[in-house]
Amino acid sequence: MLMTNIETIPGKQIVACQGVVAGSTVRTKHAGRDFMAGIKNIFGGELRGYTELLEESREQAVKRMQQQATQLGANAVVNVRFSTSSVAAGAAEIYVYGTAVTVAD
């Protein structure tokens, strides 16, 4: 499935619009990762455990959005945007949305 964060897909013609599609996931912090993050906070450096958690969350949210687009008959999603929000203590939501479209080959 083609995806882009712009309104068009260069070299392709949008022939139908199926509407807005979205995917999300809510994840909590892992106690071990949280402990290590606290130590990293003191000494500095990348919080790899959190980086991996966010990457996995984005992948899952995108997959859910793509599944929704496929169910609508789309073969592409344009204007893709990501959002993150805190939903509870220690839990965050990754939300992705865009417009499902059909493009001609």
Protein backbone atom coordinates (compact mmCIF):
# COMPACT_ATOMS: atom_id res chain seq x y z
CA MET A 1 0.00 0.00 0.00
CA LEU A 2 1.32 3.42 -0.97
CA MET A 3 1.46 6.02 1.80
CA THR A 4 2.52 9.64 1.75
CA ASN A 5 2.32 12.67 3.99
CA ILE A 6 1.42 14.94 1.05
CA GLU A 7 -1.92 15.34 -0.74
CA THR A 8 -0.92 13.50 -3.90
CA ILE A 9 1.29 10.66 -5.02
CA PRO A 10 3.73 11.91 -7.64
CA GLY A 11 3.28 10.08 -10.93
CA LYS A 12 -0.08 8.61 -9.89
CA GLN A 13 -3.62 9.84 -10.45
CA ILE A 14 -6.15 9.65 -7.62
CA VAL A 15 -9.34 8.21 -9.12
CA ALA A 16 -11.45 7.72 -5.99
CA CYS A 17 -11.53 8.85 -2.37
CA GLN A 18 -12.80 6.40 0.25
CA GLY A 19 -12.53 8.75 3.23
CA VAL A 20 -10.58 9.16 6.44
CA VAL A 21 -8.89 6.10 7.92
CA ALA A 22 -7.09 5.77 11.23
CA GLY A 23 -5.17 3.35 13.40
CA SER A 24 -4.07 3.57 17.00
CA THR A 25 -2.51 1.69 19.84
CA VAL A 26 -2.14 2.44 23.54
CA ARG A 27 0.99 1.21 25.24
CA THR A 28 2.28 1.30 28.79
CA LYS A 29 5.82 1.56 30.01
CA HIS A 30 7.68 -1.59 31.01
CA ALA A 31 8.97 -1.53 34.59
CA GLY A 32 12.47 -2.66 33.55
CA ARG A 33 12.65 -0.08 30.78
CA ASP A 34 11.38 2.58 33.19
CA PHE A 35 14.14 1.73 35.68
CA MET A 36 16.81 1.91 32.97
CA ALA A 37 15.36 5.19 31.69
CA GLY A 38 15.76 6.65 35.18
CA ILE A 39 19.43 5.70 35.18
CA LYS A 40 19.91 7.14 31.67
CA ASN A 41 18.28 10.34 32.89
CA ILE A 42 21.18 10.79 35.29
CA PHE A 43 23.98 10.04 32.82
CA GLY A 44 22.34 11.06 29.54
CA GLY A 45 21.95 9.14 26.30
CA GLU A 46 19.24 7.62 24.15
CA LEU A 47 16.46 5.72 25.88
CA ARG A 48 16.61 2.75 23.50
CA GLY A 49 13.86 0.83 25.27
CA TYR A 50 11.44 3.70 24.73
CA THR A 51 12.65 4.22 21.16
CA GLU A 52 11.90 0.56 20.38
CA LEU A 53 8.51 0.80 22.12
CA LEU A 54 7.54 3.83 20.03
CA GLU A 55 8.74 2.20 16.79
CA GLU A 56 6.66 -0.92 17.51
CA SER A 57 3.65 1.25 18.40
CA ARG A 58 3.91 3.28 15.18
CA GLU A 59 4.20 0.10 13.10
CA GLN A 60 1.10 -1.38 14.74
CA ALA A 61 -0.94 1.82 14.33
CA VAL A 62 0.07 2.11 10.64
CA LYS A 63 -0.83 -1.54 10.03
CA ARG A 64 -4.29 -0.97 11.52
CA MET A 65 -4.79 2.12 9.36
CA GLN A 66 -3.72 0.22 6.24
CA GLN A 67 -6.12 -2.63 7.07
CA GLN A 68 -8.97 -0.15 7.36
CA ALA A 69 -8.01 1.42 4.02
CA THR A 70 -7.89 -2.01 2.36
CA GLN A 71 -11.36 -2.84 3.70
CA LEU A 72 -12.62 0.33 2.01
CA GLY A 73 -11.06 -0.72 -1.31
CA ALA A 74 -8.19 1.78 -1.27
CA ASN A 75 -4.68 1.09 -2.52
CA ALA A 76 -3.08 4.21 -1.03
CA VAL A 77 -3.32 6.63 1.88
CA VAL A 78 -2.45 10.31 1.46
CA ASN A 79 -2.00 13.13 3.99
CA VAL A 80 -0.74 10.69 6.64
CA ARG A 81 -0.26 12.27 10.06
CA PHE A 82 0.89 10.95 13.44
CA SER A 83 -0.20 12.08 16.88
CA THR A 84 0.81 11.04 20.38
CA SER A 85 -1.09 11.66 23.59
CA SER A 86 -0.96 10.60 27.20
CA VAL A 87 -4.10 8.68 28.17
CA ALA A 88 -3.20 7.57 31.71
CA ALA A 89 -0.27 7.56 34.08
CA GLY A 90 2.44 5.64 32.27
CA ALA A 91 0.34 4.99 29.13
CA ALA A 92 0.44 6.75 25.78
CA GLU A 93 -1.52 6.49 22.55
CA ILE A 94 0.02 6.56 19.09
CA TYR A 95 -2.60 7.64 16.55
CA VAL A 96 -2.13 7.76 12.79
CA TYR A 97 -4.66 8.97 10.24
CA GLY A 98 -4.96 9.89 6.59
CA THR A 99 -7.23 9.81 3.57
CA ALA A 100 -7.78 6.46 1.86
CA VAL A 101 -7.73 6.74 -1.92
CA THR A 102 -7.54 4.62 -5.05
CA VAL A 103 -4.81 5.53 -7.50
CA ALA A 104 -4.50 4.41 -11.10
CA ASP A 105 -1.36 2.58 -12.19
